[in-house]
Amino acid sequence: MQIVLPPEVEALVQRQLTSGKYQNAIAVILAGIKLLEQQEDIYQGRLQDLQQEARIGWEASERGEVVDGSTAMAQIRTNVRSRYGVLDKA
């Protein structure tokens, strides 16, 4: 496989080589791919967490275990004040 890099990407690879962090362009590209894989793993994990939280919320709402927005915000403010000693000026 041959890949043609845009000039700005070639410059980035060259800067990394000049810094001495990497032995060759392949090592720079492999490091970038590894970071991309890590980022994707984090994204997928967070997506699954959010989906689970949404399911929990949906199930709670199905059971009628919900409060209106103003009540929820009042509870949050109370929790913040008690936890951090913050005074609400709103």
PDB file of N, CA and C in Angstrom:
ATOM      1  N   MET A   1       0.854  -1.175   0.000  1.00  0.00           N
ATOM      2  CA  MET A   1       0.000   0.000   0.000  1.00  0.00           C
ATOM      3  C   MET A   1       0.899   1.237   0.000  1.00  0.00           C
ATOM      4  N   GLN A   2       0.587   2.140  -0.890  1.00  0.00           N
ATOM      5  CA  GLN A   2       1.308   3.404  -0.914  1.00  0.00           C
ATOM      6  C   GLN A   2       0.336   4.509  -0.527  1.00  0.00           C
ATOM      7  N   ILE A   3       0.826   5.420   0.310  1.00  0.00           N
ATOM      8  CA  ILE A   3      -0.002   6.528   0.771  1.00  0.00           C
ATOM      9  C   ILE A   3       0.735   7.825   0.489  1.00  0.00           C
ATOM     10  N   VAL A   4       0.018   8.760  -0.071  1.00  0.00           N
ATOM     11  CA  VAL A   4       0.577  10.084  -0.306  1.00  0.00           C
ATOM     12  C   VAL A   4       0.047  10.999   0.791  1.00  0.00           C
ATOM     13  N   LEU A   5       0.961  11.546   1.564  1.00  0.00           N
ATOM     14  CA  LEU A   5       0.569  12.416   2.668  1.00  0.00           C
ATOM     15  C   LEU A   5       0.497  13.863   2.210  1.00  0.00           C
ATOM     16  N   PRO A   6      -0.478  14.592   2.707  1.00  0.00           N
ATOM     17  CA  PRO A   6      -0.521  16.029   2.414  1.00  0.00           C
ATOM     18  C   PRO A   6       0.726  16.692   3.001  1.00  0.00           C
ATOM     19  N   PRO A   7       1.126  17.818   2.439  1.00  0.00           N
ATOM     20  CA  PRO A   7       2.351  18.481   2.904  1.00  0.00           C
ATOM     21  C   PRO A   7       2.370  18.777   4.402  1.00  0.00           C
ATOM     22  N   GLU A   8       1.225  19.170   4.965  1.00  0.00           N
ATOM     23  CA  GLU A   8       1.211  19.487   6.402  1.00  0.00           C
ATOM     24  C   GLU A   8       1.436  18.236   7.255  1.00  0.00           C
ATOM     25  N   VAL A   9       0.979  17.080   6.780  1.00  0.00           N
ATOM     26  CA  VAL A   9       1.199  15.835   7.510  1.00  0.00           C
ATOM     27  C   VAL A   9       2.656  15.399   7.357  1.00  0.00           C
ATOM     28  N   GLU A  10       3.197  15.566   6.163  1.00  0.00           N
ATOM     29  CA  GLU A  10       4.619  15.266   5.961  1.00  0.00           C
ATOM     30  C   GLU A  10       5.479  16.126   6.875  1.00  0.00           C
ATOM     31  N   ALA A  11       5.118  17.388   7.016  1.00  0.00           N
ATOM     32  CA  ALA A  11       5.868  18.291   7.892  1.00  0.00           C
ATOM     33  C   ALA A  11       5.781  17.828   9.342  1.00  0.00           C
ATOM     34  N   LEU A  12       4.609  17.372   9.763  1.00  0.00           N
ATOM     35  CA  LEU A  12       4.437  16.870  11.124  1.00  0.00           C
ATOM     36  C   LEU A  12       5.306  15.635  11.353  1.00  0.00           C
ATOM     37  N   VAL A  13       5.303  14.719  10.402  1.00  0.00           N
ATOM     38  CA  VAL A  13       6.139  13.524  10.507  1.00  0.00           C
ATOM     39  C   VAL A  13       7.607  13.942  10.585  1.00  0.00           C
ATOM     40  N   GLN A  14       8.005  14.866   9.755  1.00  0.00           N
ATOM     41  CA  GLN A  14       9.402  15.321   9.748  1.00  0.00           C
ATOM     42  C   GLN A  14       9.789  15.962  11.075  1.00  0.00           C
ATOM     43  N   ARG A  15       8.872  16.746  11.666  1.00  0.00           N
ATOM     44  CA  ARG A  15       9.160  17.364  12.973  1.00  0.00           C
ATOM     45  C   ARG A  15       9.362  16.292  14.041  1.00  0.00           C
ATOM     46  N   GLN A  16       8.555  15.237  13.984  1.00  0.00           N
ATOM     47  CA  GLN A  16       8.702  14.158  14.957  1.00  0.00           C
ATOM     48  C   GLN A  16      10.032  13.424  14.765  1.00  0.00           C
ATOM     49  N   LEU A  17      10.431  13.234  13.536  1.00  0.00           N
ATOM     50  CA  LEU A  17      11.715  12.597  13.262  1.00  0.00           C
ATOM     51  C   LEU A  17      12.873  13.469  13.727  1.00  0.00           C
ATOM     52  N   THR A  18      12.761  14.767  13.466  1.00  0.00           N
ATOM     53  CA  THR A  18      13.808  15.711  13.867  1.00  0.00           C
ATOM     54  C   THR A  18      13.946  15.767  15.388  1.00  0.00           C
ATOM     55  N   SER A  19      12.828  15.604  16.088  1.00  0.00           N
ATOM     56  CA  SER A  19      12.872  15.652  17.556  1.00  0.00           C
ATOM     57  C   SER A  19      13.635  14.468  18.138  1.00  0.00           C
ATOM     58  N   GLY A  20      13.826  13.432  17.340  1.00  0.00           N
ATOM     59  CA  GLY A  20      14.539  12.253  17.813  1.00  0.00           C
ATOM     60  C   GLY A  20      13.660  11.252  18.532  1.00  0.00           C
ATOM     61  N   LYS A  21      12.376  11.517  18.600  1.00  0.00           N
ATOM     62  CA  LYS A  21      11.464  10.602  19.297  1.00  0.00           C
ATOM     63  C   LYS A  21      11.253   9.308  18.514  1.00  0.00           C
ATOM     64  N   TYR A  22      11.395   9.377  17.210  1.00  0.00           N
ATOM     65  CA  TYR A  22      11.101   8.226  16.360  1.00  0.00           C
ATOM     66  C   TYR A  22      12.260   7.985  15.407  1.00  0.00           C
ATOM     67  N   GLN A  23      12.455   6.715  15.040  1.00  0.00           N
ATOM     68  CA  GLN A  23      13.561   6.323  14.168  1.00  0.00           C
ATOM     69  C   GLN A  23      13.247   6.557  12.689  1.00  0.00           C
ATOM     70  N   ASN A  24      11.938   6.406  12.328  1.00  0.00           N
ATOM     71  CA  ASN A  24      11.578   6.552  10.915  1.00  0.00           C
ATOM     72  C   ASN A  24      10.102   6.949  10.799  1.00  0.00           C
ATOM     73  N   ALA A  25       9.694   7.246   9.578  1.00  0.00           N
ATOM     74  CA  ALA A  25       8.328   7.720   9.333  1.00  0.00           C
ATOM     75  C   ALA A  25       7.297   6.651   9.699  1.00  0.00           C
ATOM     76  N   ILE A  26       7.614   5.395   9.489  1.00  0.00           N
ATOM     77  CA  ILE A  26       6.676   4.317   9.830  1.00  0.00           C
ATOM     78  C   ILE A  26       6.394   4.323  11.328  1.00  0.00           C
ATOM     79  N   ALA A  27       7.420   4.531  12.141  1.00  0.00           N
ATOM     80  CA  ALA A  27       7.235   4.565  13.592  1.00  0.00           C
ATOM     81  C   ALA A  27       6.316   5.715  13.993  1.00  0.00           C
ATOM     82  N   VAL A  28       6.446   6.851  13.332  1.00  0.00           N
ATOM     83  CA  VAL A  28       5.571   8.001  13.612  1.00  0.00           C
ATOM     84  C   VAL A  28       4.131   7.652  13.259  1.00  0.00           C
ATOM     85  N   ILE A  29       3.944   7.068  12.099  1.00  0.00           N
ATOM     86  CA  ILE A  29       2.594   6.724  11.641  1.00  0.00           C
ATOM     87  C   ILE A  29       1.984   5.647  12.534  1.00  0.00           C
ATOM     88  N   LEU A  30       2.770   4.664  12.941  1.00  0.00           N
ATOM     89  CA  LEU A  30       2.259   3.621  13.833  1.00  0.00           C
ATOM     90  C   LEU A  30       1.850   4.200  15.191  1.00  0.00           C
ATOM     91  N   ALA A  31       2.616   5.158  15.691  1.00  0.00           N
ATOM     92  CA  ALA A  31       2.255   5.807  16.957  1.00  0.00           C
ATOM     93  C   ALA A  31       0.927   6.546  16.807  1.00  0.00           C
ATOM     94  N   GLY A  32       0.752   7.216  15.667  1.00  0.00           N
ATOM     95  CA  GLY A  32      -0.516   7.903  15.413  1.00  0.00           C
ATOM     96  C   GLY A  32      -1.687   6.946  15.327  1.00  0.00           C
ATOM     97  N   ILE A  33      -1.478   5.809  14.695  1.00  0.00           N
ATOM     98  CA  ILE A  33      -2.537   4.804  14.577  1.00  0.00           C
ATOM     99  C   ILE A  33      -2.870   4.233  15.953  1.00  0.00           C
ATOM    100  N   LYS A  34      -1.854   4.002  16.774  1.00  0.00           N
ATOM    101  CA  LYS A  34      -2.095   3.493  18.123  1.00  0.00           C
ATOM    102  C   LYS A  34      -2.937   4.485  18.926  1.00  0.00           C
ATOM    103  N   LEU A  35      -2.625   5.763  18.821  1.00  0.00           N
ATOM    104  CA  LEU A  35      -3.422   6.783  19.504  1.00  0.00           C
ATOM    105  C   LEU A  35      -4.855   6.808  18.988  1.00  0.00           C
ATOM    106  N   LEU A  36      -5.023   6.647  17.702  1.00  0.00           N
ATOM    107  CA  LEU A  36      -6.359   6.599  17.111  1.00  0.00           C
ATOM    108  C   LEU A  36      -7.151   5.416  17.664  1.00  0.00           C
ATOM    109  N   GLU A  37      -6.498   4.271  17.775  1.00  0.00           N
ATOM    110  CA  GLU A  37      -7.164   3.091  18.341  1.00  0.00           C
ATOM    111  C   GLU A  37      -7.557   3.329  19.798  1.00  0.00           C
ATOM    112  N   GLN A  38      -6.663   3.938  20.573  1.00  0.00           N
ATOM    113  CA  GLN A  38      -6.966   4.240  21.976  1.00  0.00           C
ATOM    114  C   GLN A  38      -8.148   5.190  22.077  1.00  0.00           C
ATOM    115  N   GLN A  39      -8.164   6.203  21.219  1.00  0.00           N
ATOM    116  CA  GLN A  39      -9.261   7.169  21.221  1.00  0.00           C
ATOM    117  C   GLN A  39     -10.578   6.479  20.878  1.00  0.00           C
ATOM    118  N   GLU A  40     -10.550   5.582  19.927  1.00  0.00           N
ATOM    119  CA  GLU A  40     -11.755   4.849  19.539  1.00  0.00           C
ATOM    120  C   GLU A  40     -12.245   3.959  20.680  1.00  0.00           C
ATOM    121  N   ASP A  41     -11.306   3.313  21.378  1.00  0.00           N
ATOM    122  CA  ASP A  41     -11.677   2.485  22.528  1.00  0.00           C
ATOM    123  C   ASP A  41     -12.343   3.330  23.607  1.00  0.00           C
ATOM    124  N   ILE A  42     -11.785   4.497  23.870  1.00  0.00           N
ATOM    125  CA  ILE A  42     -12.368   5.401  24.868  1.00  0.00           C
ATOM    126  C   ILE A  42     -13.755   5.843  24.425  1.00  0.00           C
ATOM    127  N   TYR A  43     -13.893   6.217  23.152  1.00  0.00           N
ATOM    128  CA  TYR A  43     -15.187   6.646  22.627  1.00  0.00           C
ATOM    129  C   TYR A  43     -16.221   5.539  22.759  1.00  0.00           C
ATOM    130  N   GLN A  44     -15.843   4.318  22.372  1.00  0.00           N
ATOM    131  CA  GLN A  44     -16.789   3.206  22.435  1.00  0.00           C
ATOM    132  C   GLN A  44     -17.193   2.915  23.879  1.00  0.00           C
ATOM    133  N   GLY A  45     -16.232   2.972  24.789  1.00  0.00           N
ATOM    134  CA  GLY A  45     -16.543   2.754  26.199  1.00  0.00           C
ATOM    135  C   GLY A  45     -17.482   3.808  26.733  1.00  0.00           C
ATOM    136  N   ARG A  46     -17.224   5.063  26.392  1.00  0.00           N
ATOM    137  CA  ARG A  46     -18.090   6.150  26.859  1.00  0.00           C
ATOM    138  C   ARG A  46     -19.467   6.053  26.223  1.00  0.00           C
ATOM    139  N   LEU A  47     -19.524   5.664  24.951  1.00  0.00           N
ATOM    140  CA  LEU A  47     -20.812   5.494  24.283  1.00  0.00           C
ATOM    141  C   LEU A  47     -21.628   4.418  24.988  1.00  0.00           C
ATOM    142  N   GLN A  48     -20.994   3.319  25.329  1.00  0.00           N
ATOM    143  CA  GLN A  48     -21.700   2.245  26.033  1.00  0.00           C
ATOM    144  C   GLN A  48     -22.182   2.729  27.403  1.00  0.00           C
ATOM    145  N   ASP A  49     -21.348   3.508  28.093  1.00  0.00           N
ATOM    146  CA  ASP A  49     -21.752   4.060  29.394  1.00  0.00           C
ATOM    147  C   ASP A  49     -22.979   4.950  29.242  1.00  0.00           C
ATOM    148  N   LEU A  50     -22.957   5.818  28.235  1.00  0.00           N
ATOM    149  CA  LEU A  50     -24.086   6.724  28.015  1.00  0.00           C
ATOM    150  C   LEU A  50     -25.351   5.950  27.647  1.00  0.00           C
ATOM    151  N   GLN A  51     -25.201   4.908  26.831  1.00  0.00           N
ATOM    152  CA  GLN A  51     -26.363   4.099  26.470  1.00  0.00           C
ATOM    153  C   GLN A  51     -26.940   3.408  27.696  1.00  0.00           C
ATOM    154  N   GLN A  52     -26.074   2.924  28.574  1.00  0.00           N
ATOM    155  CA  GLN A  52     -26.541   2.276  29.794  1.00  0.00           C
ATOM    156  C   GLN A  52     -27.253   3.287  30.689  1.00  0.00           C
ATOM    157  N   GLU A  53     -26.671   4.485  30.832  1.00  0.00           N
ATOM    158  CA  GLU A  53     -27.307   5.523  31.643  1.00  0.00           C
ATOM    159  C   GLU A  53     -28.661   5.916  31.065  1.00  0.00           C
ATOM    160  N   ALA A  54     -28.757   5.971  29.740  1.00  0.00           N
ATOM    161  CA  ALA A  54     -30.036   6.297  29.102  1.00  0.00           C
ATOM    162  C   ALA A  54     -31.065   5.204  29.383  1.00  0.00           C
ATOM    163  N   ARG A  55     -30.633   3.932  29.308  1.00  0.00           N
ATOM    164  CA  ARG A  55     -31.546   2.823  29.621  1.00  0.00           C
ATOM    165  C   ARG A  55     -32.041   2.908  31.060  1.00  0.00           C
ATOM    166  N   ILE A  56     -31.129   3.210  31.984  1.00  0.00           N
ATOM    167  CA  ILE A  56     -31.503   3.323  33.396  1.00  0.00           C
ATOM    168  C   ILE A  56     -32.516   4.449  33.571  1.00  0.00           C
ATOM    169  N   GLY A  57     -32.267   5.578  32.919  1.00  0.00           N
ATOM    170  CA  GLY A  57     -33.199   6.700  33.001  1.00  0.00           C
ATOM    171  C   GLY A  57     -34.549   6.372  32.396  1.00  0.00           C
ATOM    172  N   TRP A  58     -34.521   5.701  31.256  1.00  0.00           N
ATOM    173  CA  TRP A  58     -35.775   5.325  30.598  1.00  0.00           C
ATOM    174  C   TRP A  58     -36.581   4.374  31.477  1.00  0.00           C
ATOM    175  N   GLU A  59     -35.901   3.389  32.033  1.00  0.00           N
ATOM    176  CA  GLU A  59     -36.592   2.432  32.900  1.00  0.00           C
ATOM    177  C   GLU A  59     -37.154   3.125  34.145  1.00  0.00           C
ATOM    178  N   ALA A  60     -36.410   4.071  34.704  1.00  0.00           N
ATOM    179  CA  ALA A  60     -36.899   4.825  35.864  1.00  0.00           C
ATOM    180  C   ALA A  60     -38.135   5.636  35.482  1.00  0.00           C
ATOM    181  N   SER A  61     -38.109   6.228  34.295  1.00  0.00           N
ATOM    182  CA  SER A  61     -39.272   7.009  33.871  1.00  0.00           C
ATOM    183  C   SER A  61     -40.479   6.108  33.620  1.00  0.00           C
ATOM    184  N   GLU A  62     -40.227   4.905  33.120  1.00  0.00           N
ATOM    185  CA  GLU A  62     -41.312   3.945  32.911  1.00  0.00           C
ATOM    186  C   GLU A  62     -41.963   3.547  34.238  1.00  0.00           C
ATOM    187  N   ARG A  63     -41.160   3.537  35.307  1.00  0.00           N
ATOM    188  CA  ARG A  63     -41.687   3.198  36.634  1.00  0.00           C
ATOM    189  C   ARG A  63     -42.253   4.429  37.344  1.00  0.00           C
ATOM    190  N   GLY A  64     -42.172   5.597  36.682  1.00  0.00           N
ATOM    191  CA  GLY A  64     -42.688   6.819  37.287  1.00  0.00           C
ATOM    192  C   GLY A  64     -41.739   7.442  38.298  1.00  0.00           C
ATOM    193  N   GLU A  65     -40.478   7.059  38.254  1.00  0.00           N
ATOM    194  CA  GLU A  65     -39.480   7.551  39.190  1.00  0.00           C
ATOM    195  C   GLU A  65     -38.745   8.761  38.616  1.00  0.00           C
ATOM    196  N   VAL A  66     -39.498   9.779  38.267  1.00  0.00           N
ATOM    197  CA  VAL A  66     -38.893  10.975  37.692  1.00  0.00           C
ATOM    198  C   VAL A  66     -39.398  12.206  38.432  1.00  0.00           C
ATOM    199  N   VAL A  67     -38.637  13.283  38.304  1.00  0.00           N
ATOM    200  CA  VAL A  67     -39.064  14.565  38.873  1.00  0.00           C
ATOM    201  C   VAL A  67     -38.978  15.606  37.768  1.00  0.00           C
ATOM    202  N   ASP A  68     -39.707  16.695  37.929  1.00  0.00           N
ATOM    203  CA  ASP A  68     -39.658  17.738  36.917  1.00  0.00           C
ATOM    204  C   ASP A  68     -38.320  18.470  36.998  1.00  0.00           C
ATOM    205  N   GLY A  69     -38.026  19.235  35.978  1.00  0.00           N
ATOM    206  CA  GLY A  69     -36.732  19.912  35.857  1.00  0.00           C
ATOM    207  C   GLY A  69     -36.403  20.844  37.004  1.00  0.00           C
ATOM    208  N   SER A  70     -37.359  21.664  37.444  1.00  0.00           N
ATOM    209  CA  SER A  70     -37.070  22.611  38.522  1.00  0.00           C
ATOM    210  C   SER A  70     -36.787  21.888  39.834  1.00  0.00           C
ATOM    211  N   THR A  71     -37.479  20.798  40.096  1.00  0.00           N
ATOM    212  CA  THR A  71     -37.221  20.014  41.302  1.00  0.00           C
ATOM    213  C   THR A  71     -35.833  19.368  41.224  1.00  0.00           C
ATOM    214  N   ALA A  72     -35.493  18.848  40.062  1.00  0.00           N
ATOM    215  CA  ALA A  72     -34.182  18.228  39.886  1.00  0.00           C
ATOM    216  C   ALA A  72     -33.074  19.257  40.102  1.00  0.00           C
ATOM    217  N   MET A  73     -33.233  20.455  39.537  1.00  0.00           N
ATOM    218  CA  MET A  73     -32.211  21.493  39.698  1.00  0.00           C
ATOM    219  C   MET A  73     -32.097  21.911  41.161  1.00  0.00           C
ATOM    220  N   ALA A  74     -33.209  21.996  41.874  1.00  0.00           N
ATOM    221  CA  ALA A  74     -33.163  22.346  43.298  1.00  0.00           C
ATOM    222  C   ALA A  74     -32.398  21.281  44.076  1.00  0.00           C
ATOM    223  N   GLN A  75     -32.620  20.014  43.735  1.00  0.00           N
ATOM    224  CA  GLN A  75     -31.897  18.934  44.405  1.00  0.00           C
ATOM    225  C   GLN A  75     -30.400  19.007  44.109  1.00  0.00           C
ATOM    226  N   ILE A  76     -30.058  19.306  42.870  1.00  0.00           N
ATOM    227  CA  ILE A  76     -28.645  19.433  42.491  1.00  0.00           C
ATOM    228  C   ILE A  76     -27.999  20.581  43.251  1.00  0.00           C
ATOM    229  N   ARG A  77     -28.675  21.728  43.304  1.00  0.00           N
ATOM    230  CA  ARG A  77     -28.124  22.881  44.038  1.00  0.00           C
ATOM    231  C   ARG A  77     -27.910  22.545  45.509  1.00  0.00           C
ATOM    232  N   THR A  78     -28.871  21.864  46.105  1.00  0.00           N
ATOM    233  CA  THR A  78     -28.746  21.481  47.513  1.00  0.00           C
ATOM    234  C   THR A  78     -27.548  20.561  47.711  1.00  0.00           C
ATOM    235  N   ASN A  79     -27.390  19.593  46.814  1.00  0.00           N
ATOM    236  CA  ASN A  79     -26.245  18.676  46.900  1.00  0.00           C
ATOM    237  C   ASN A  79     -24.920  19.407  46.749  1.00  0.00           C
ATOM    238  N   VAL A  80     -24.857  20.344  45.809  1.00  0.00           N
ATOM    239  CA  VAL A  80     -23.621  21.103  45.586  1.00  0.00           C
ATOM    240  C   VAL A  80     -23.301  21.951  46.813  1.00  0.00           C
ATOM    241  N   ARG A  81     -24.324  22.624  47.346  1.00  0.00           N
ATOM    242  CA  ARG A  81     -24.100  23.460  48.533  1.00  0.00           C
ATOM    243  C   ARG A  81     -23.606  22.631  49.704  1.00  0.00           C
ATOM    244  N   SER A  82     -24.223  21.477  49.924  1.00  0.00           N
ATOM    245  CA  SER A  82     -23.825  20.656  51.073  1.00  0.00           C
ATOM    246  C   SER A  82     -22.446  20.034  50.868  1.00  0.00           C
ATOM    247  N   ARG A  83     -22.140  19.702  49.641  1.00  0.00           N
ATOM    248  CA  ARG A  83     -20.848  19.062  49.363  1.00  0.00           C
ATOM    249  C   ARG A  83     -19.701  20.055  49.351  1.00  0.00           C
ATOM    250  N   TYR A  84     -19.921  21.219  48.754  1.00  0.00           N
ATOM    251  CA  TYR A  84     -18.818  22.162  48.538  1.00  0.00           C
ATOM    252  C   TYR A  84     -18.966  23.450  49.328  1.00  0.00           C
ATOM    253  N   GLY A  85     -20.054  23.593  50.059  1.00  0.00           N
ATOM    254  CA  GLY A  85     -20.255  24.813  50.813  1.00  0.00           C
ATOM    255  C   GLY A  85     -20.493  26.023  49.925  1.00  0.00           C
ATOM    256  N   VAL A  86     -21.056  25.784  48.746  1.00  0.00           N
ATOM    257  CA  VAL A  86     -21.295  26.840  47.775  1.00  0.00           C
ATOM    258  C   VAL A  86     -22.651  27.480  48.058  1.00  0.00           C
ATOM    259  N   LEU A  87     -22.665  28.797  48.009  1.00  0.00           N
ATOM    260  CA  LEU A  87     -23.924  29.513  48.186  1.00  0.00           C
ATOM    261  C   LEU A  87     -24.527  29.803  46.832  1.00  0.00           C
ATOM    262  N   ASP A  88     -25.789  29.535  46.681  1.00  0.00           N
ATOM    263  CA  ASP A  88     -26.483  29.773  45.421  1.00  0.00           C
ATOM    264  C   ASP A  88     -27.022  31.184  45.413  1.00  0.00           C
ATOM    265  N   LYS A  89     -26.622  31.967  44.415  1.00  0.00           N
ATOM    266  CA  LYS A  89     -27.073  33.356  44.318  1.00  0.00           C
ATOM    267  C   LYS A  89     -28.168  33.523  43.291  1.00  0.00           C
ATOM    268  N   ALA A  90     -28.608  32.444  42.702  1.00  0.00           N
ATOM    269  CA  ALA A  90     -29.637  32.517  41.644  1.00  0.00           C
ATOM    270  C   ALA A  90     -31.023  32.617  42.252  1.00  0.00           C
TER     271      ALA A  90
END
